[in-house]
Amino acid sequence: MSRIVILTGAGISAESGIRTFRASDGLWEDHRIEEVATPEGFLRDSALVHQFYNARRAAARAAQPNAAHLALAELEADPHHTVLIVTQNVDDLHERAGSQNVIHMHGSLVGALCHDCGHRWPAPEVMTQADLCPACARAATRPDIVWFGEMPYQMDQIVRALEAADLFVSIGTSGNVYPAAGFVRDAAMAGVQTLELNLEPSAGTDMFDTAHHGPATQVVPAWVRAQLAQRR
């Protein structure tokens, strides 16, 4: 059985209509990162932060999984492969495509988090600064998203999976956002084969054993077909 750890980034969801992280001018959907993606921004203007993520949640729910998401779910369902998807994306397109073994290292739009006590629960479609935490009853509800300055989720589990893998695949990532950008180095140091599937060469392309470039809806299904064919 082949053990595969797959890192996915914004590039795999872009063809589903979900905008990538930020433009070259440093703005994220017309907002400064410090305003909508930091704990300080939330404490300063929680109404703006909720407005921003409500719009993102609506956009994610309106999007549909594309051929790349569906191909990865097909690979996971194959009995000859053990697949862990570690995604930087906060949408739920992997799950809606059928993938079950998914770690959202940057959190998820479908979750709510209490900024005070840390309690988590399913997010409603629209969140406001007046929402009360079900556990502590404080008006400190925020999206369950990892913001700048916060630690990504389940890092210990991710590192263990990388060290035990036969293959590490990076799909649709820029190679600029750490700690995810360092996963290829961690895998290589553990003797794991590495592969990049990306629209264009990432900042870390030279660190991968192999790279294939093109739209995710083309290169990912092609790679999955090749993987499945090897086992039949």
Protein backbone atom coordinates (compact mmCIF):
# COMPACT_ATOMS: atom_id res chain seq x y z
CA MET A 1 0.00 0.00 0.00
CA SER A 2 1.32 3.42 -0.99
CA ARG A 3 1.19 6.14 1.69
CA ILE A 4 0.68 9.56 0.14
CA VAL A 5 0.53 12.95 1.83
CA ILE A 6 -0.95 15.66 -0.39
CA LEU A 7 -0.67 19.37 0.35
CA THR A 8 -3.23 21.53 -1.45
CA GLY A 9 -3.39 25.30 -1.77
CA ALA A 10 -5.50 27.96 -3.41
CA GLY A 11 -4.62 26.77 -6.90
CA ILE A 12 -6.75 23.64 -6.62
CA SER A 13 -9.90 25.64 -5.80
CA ALA A 14 -9.28 28.53 -8.21
CA GLU A 15 -10.94 26.64 -11.07
CA SER A 16 -14.04 26.26 -8.90
CA GLY A 17 -14.30 30.05 -8.85
CA ILE A 18 -12.78 30.69 -5.43
CA ARG A 19 -10.36 33.60 -5.55
CA THR A 20 -6.75 32.97 -4.62
CA PHE A 21 -5.21 34.36 -1.47
CA ARG A 22 -4.30 37.91 -2.39
CA ALA A 23 -3.39 40.11 -5.31
CA SER A 24 0.06 41.49 -6.07
CA ASP A 25 -0.87 44.77 -4.39
CA GLY A 26 -1.03 43.01 -1.02
CA LEU A 27 -4.81 43.36 -0.70
CA TRP A 28 -7.12 40.46 0.03
CA GLU A 29 -10.40 41.07 -1.76
CA ASP A 30 -9.89 44.83 -1.30
CA HIS A 31 -8.95 44.60 2.39
CA ARG A 32 -5.58 44.83 4.06
CA ILE A 33 -4.49 41.53 5.60
CA GLU A 34 -4.05 43.21 8.97
CA GLU A 35 -7.71 44.24 8.97
CA VAL A 36 -9.30 40.85 8.35
CA ALA A 37 -6.75 38.11 9.02
CA THR A 38 -5.15 38.87 12.37
CA PRO A 39 -6.37 38.57 15.98
CA GLU A 40 -5.64 42.29 16.38
CA GLY A 41 -7.87 43.13 13.43
CA PHE A 42 -10.69 41.07 14.93
CA LEU A 43 -10.44 42.83 18.29
CA ARG A 44 -10.33 46.21 16.56
CA ASP A 45 -13.31 45.71 14.21
CA SER A 46 -15.06 42.36 14.62
CA ALA A 47 -18.01 43.52 12.48
CA LEU A 48 -15.73 44.03 9.47
CA VAL A 49 -14.07 40.64 9.99
CA HIS A 50 -17.43 38.86 10.18
CA GLN A 51 -18.64 40.69 7.07
CA PHE A 52 -15.52 39.59 5.22
CA TYR A 53 -15.79 35.91 6.19
CA ASN A 54 -19.55 35.79 5.69
CA ALA A 55 -18.90 36.75 2.06
CA ARG A 56 -16.16 34.15 1.74
CA ARG A 57 -18.37 31.48 3.31
CA ALA A 58 -21.16 32.25 0.87
CA ALA A 59 -18.76 32.09 -2.07
CA ALA A 60 -17.35 28.76 -0.89
CA ARG A 61 -20.81 27.25 -0.46
CA ALA A 62 -21.80 28.38 -3.96
CA ALA A 63 -18.68 26.77 -5.49
CA GLN A 64 -18.57 23.16 -6.63
CA PRO A 65 -15.71 20.64 -6.45
CA ASN A 66 -13.79 20.44 -9.70
CA ALA A 67 -12.06 17.57 -11.49
CA ALA A 68 -8.96 17.89 -9.31
CA HIS A 69 -10.92 17.53 -6.06
CA LEU A 70 -12.84 14.58 -7.48
CA ALA A 71 -9.67 12.86 -8.66
CA LEU A 72 -8.08 13.06 -5.20
CA ALA A 73 -11.23 11.57 -3.67
CA GLU A 74 -11.02 8.73 -6.19
CA LEU A 75 -7.39 8.12 -5.22
CA GLU A 76 -8.29 8.01 -1.53
CA ALA A 77 -11.04 5.48 -2.22
CA ASP A 78 -8.61 3.11 -3.94
CA PRO A 79 -7.64 0.28 -1.54
CA HIS A 80 -4.03 0.33 -2.68
CA HIS A 81 -3.41 3.87 -1.40
CA THR A 82 -3.52 5.56 1.98
CA VAL A 83 -4.08 9.25 1.35
CA LEU A 84 -3.92 12.21 3.74
CA ILE A 85 -4.87 15.59 2.34
CA VAL A 86 -3.39 18.54 4.21
CA THR A 87 -5.04 21.65 2.85
CA GLN A 88 -4.25 25.31 3.31
CA ASN A 89 -7.70 26.10 1.95
CA VAL A 90 -10.58 27.04 4.22
CA ASP A 91 -13.31 25.83 1.83
CA ASP A 92 -14.86 22.35 2.13
CA LEU A 93 -14.54 21.32 -1.52
CA HIS A 94 -12.35 18.30 -0.70
CA GLU A 95 -15.01 16.92 1.63
CA ARG A 96 -17.83 17.63 -0.79
CA ALA A 97 -15.86 15.80 -3.49
CA GLY A 98 -15.76 12.74 -1.25
CA SER A 99 -12.39 12.96 0.52
CA GLN A 100 -12.60 11.93 4.17
CA ASN A 101 -9.02 12.08 5.45
CA VAL A 102 -8.50 15.85 5.39
CA ILE A 103 -6.62 18.19 7.73
CA HIS A 104 -7.46 21.89 7.44
CA MET A 105 -4.21 23.32 8.75
CA HIS A 106 -5.51 26.89 8.40
CA GLY A 107 -8.99 26.17 9.74
CA SER A 108 -12.31 26.11 7.92
CA LEU A 109 -15.14 28.46 7.05
CA VAL A 110 -17.66 25.86 8.23
CA GLY A 111 -16.41 26.20 11.82
CA ALA A 112 -16.93 28.78 14.56
CA LEU A 113 -14.51 29.42 17.43
CA CYS A 114 -14.79 31.32 20.70
CA HIS A 115 -11.95 33.84 20.88
CA ASP A 116 -12.12 33.71 24.70
CA CYS A 117 -12.58 30.08 25.78
CA GLY A 118 -11.58 28.19 22.62
CA HIS A 119 -14.85 26.27 22.21
CA ARG A 120 -15.66 25.15 18.64
CA TRP A 121 -19.00 24.49 16.91
CA PRO A 122 -20.46 24.44 13.36
CA ALA A 123 -20.66 27.94 11.90
CA PRO A 124 -24.01 29.35 10.80
CA GLU A 125 -24.23 30.76 7.31
CA VAL A 126 -24.02 34.31 8.69
CA MET A 127 -22.01 35.21 11.80
CA THR A 128 -22.10 38.50 13.70
CA GLN A 129 -20.19 40.16 16.52
CA ALA A 130 -23.25 39.68 18.76
CA ASP A 131 -23.20 35.85 18.50
CA LEU A 132 -22.71 34.18 21.87
CA CYS A 133 -20.43 31.24 22.49
CA PRO A 134 -22.53 28.14 23.37
CA ALA A 135 -20.01 27.21 26.08
CA CYS A 136 -19.18 30.45 27.91
CA ALA A 137 -21.98 32.74 26.63
CA ARG A 138 -19.55 35.51 25.74
CA ALA A 139 -19.88 37.58 22.57
CA ALA A 140 -16.50 36.46 21.30
CA THR A 141 -17.47 34.31 18.32
CA ARG A 142 -15.01 34.31 15.42
CA PRO A 143 -14.46 32.14 12.33
CA ASP A 144 -12.39 29.02 13.05
CA ILE A 145 -9.63 30.31 10.79
CA VAL A 146 -5.90 30.38 11.54
CA TRP A 147 -4.87 34.02 11.20
CA PHE A 148 -1.42 35.52 10.80
CA GLY A 149 0.51 35.16 14.03
CA GLU A 150 -1.37 31.97 15.03
CA MET A 151 -0.16 28.36 14.92
CA PRO A 152 -1.57 26.14 12.14
CA TYR A 153 -3.66 23.20 13.31
CA GLN A 154 -2.48 19.59 13.82
CA MET A 155 1.16 20.25 12.98
CA ASP A 156 2.41 17.26 15.00
CA GLN A 157 0.12 14.89 13.09
CA ILE A 158 1.18 16.42 9.78
CA VAL A 159 4.88 16.02 10.53
CA ARG A 160 4.41 12.39 11.59
CA ALA A 161 2.50 11.66 8.39
CA LEU A 162 5.19 13.29 6.25
CA GLU A 163 7.93 11.25 7.89
CA ALA A 164 5.99 8.00 7.32
CA ALA A 165 4.95 8.70 3.73
CA ASP A 166 6.16 7.10 0.52
CA LEU A 167 5.26 10.17 -1.54
CA PHE A 168 4.61 13.85 -0.81
CA VAL A 169 2.64 15.82 -3.41
CA SER A 170 2.15 19.58 -3.43
CA ILE A 171 -0.79 20.86 -5.50
CA GLY A 172 -1.70 24.45 -6.27
CA THR A 173 0.61 26.18 -3.82
CA SER A 174 2.89 29.20 -4.19
CA GLY A 175 5.69 27.81 -2.05
CA ASN A 176 5.84 31.10 -0.16
CA VAL A 177 3.65 30.45 2.89
CA TYR A 178 5.30 28.71 5.84
CA PRO A 179 5.22 26.26 7.50
CA ALA A 180 3.56 24.50 4.52
CA ALA A 181 6.29 25.68 2.15
CA GLY A 182 8.79 23.71 4.23
CA PHE A 183 6.96 20.39 3.95
CA VAL A 184 8.90 19.41 0.83
CA ARG A 185 12.16 19.85 2.71
CA ASP A 186 10.86 17.86 5.67
CA ALA A 187 9.74 15.05 3.36
CA ALA A 188 13.02 14.98 1.46
CA MET A 189 15.01 14.79 4.70
CA ALA A 190 12.94 11.74 5.65
CA GLY A 191 13.76 10.06 2.33
CA VAL A 192 10.27 10.58 0.89
CA GLN A 193 9.76 11.06 -2.85
CA THR A 194 8.34 14.49 -3.72
CA LEU A 195 6.17 15.76 -6.57
CA GLU A 196 4.86 19.22 -7.47
CA LEU A 197 1.65 19.68 -9.47
CA ASN A 198 1.12 23.38 -10.03
CA LEU A 199 -0.11 25.88 -12.60
CA GLU A 200 3.45 27.21 -12.87
CA PRO A 201 6.73 26.59 -11.04
CA SER A 202 6.42 27.52 -7.38
CA ALA A 203 9.06 29.24 -5.28
CA GLY A 204 10.24 25.79 -4.18
CA THR A 205 10.05 23.86 -7.45
CA ASP A 206 13.76 23.05 -7.41
CA MET A 207 13.36 21.13 -4.15
CA PHE A 208 10.97 18.57 -5.67
CA ASP A 209 12.11 15.35 -7.32
CA THR A 210 9.54 15.80 -10.09
CA ALA A 211 7.24 18.61 -11.21
CA HIS A 212 4.37 18.84 -13.69
CA HIS A 213 2.83 22.19 -14.50
CA GLY A 214 -0.58 23.14 -15.86
CA PRO A 215 -4.17 23.71 -14.66
CA ALA A 216 -5.08 21.60 -11.65
CA THR A 217 -8.12 20.16 -13.43
CA GLN A 218 -5.75 18.68 -16.01
CA VAL A 219 -2.53 17.72 -14.22
CA VAL A 220 -4.14 16.27 -11.07
CA PRO A 221 -6.56 13.84 -12.81
CA ALA A 222 -3.75 12.79 -15.16
CA TRP A 223 -1.46 12.01 -12.23
CA VAL A 224 -4.22 10.14 -10.38
CA ARG A 225 -4.98 8.03 -13.46
CA ALA A 226 -1.29 7.12 -13.67
CA GLN A 227 -1.20 6.19 -9.97
CA LEU A 228 -4.26 3.99 -10.25
CA ALA A 229 -2.97 2.32 -13.41
CA GLN A 230 0.23 1.28 -11.61
CA ARG A 231 -1.81 -0.73 -9.11
CA ARG A 232 -4.09 -2.52 -11.57
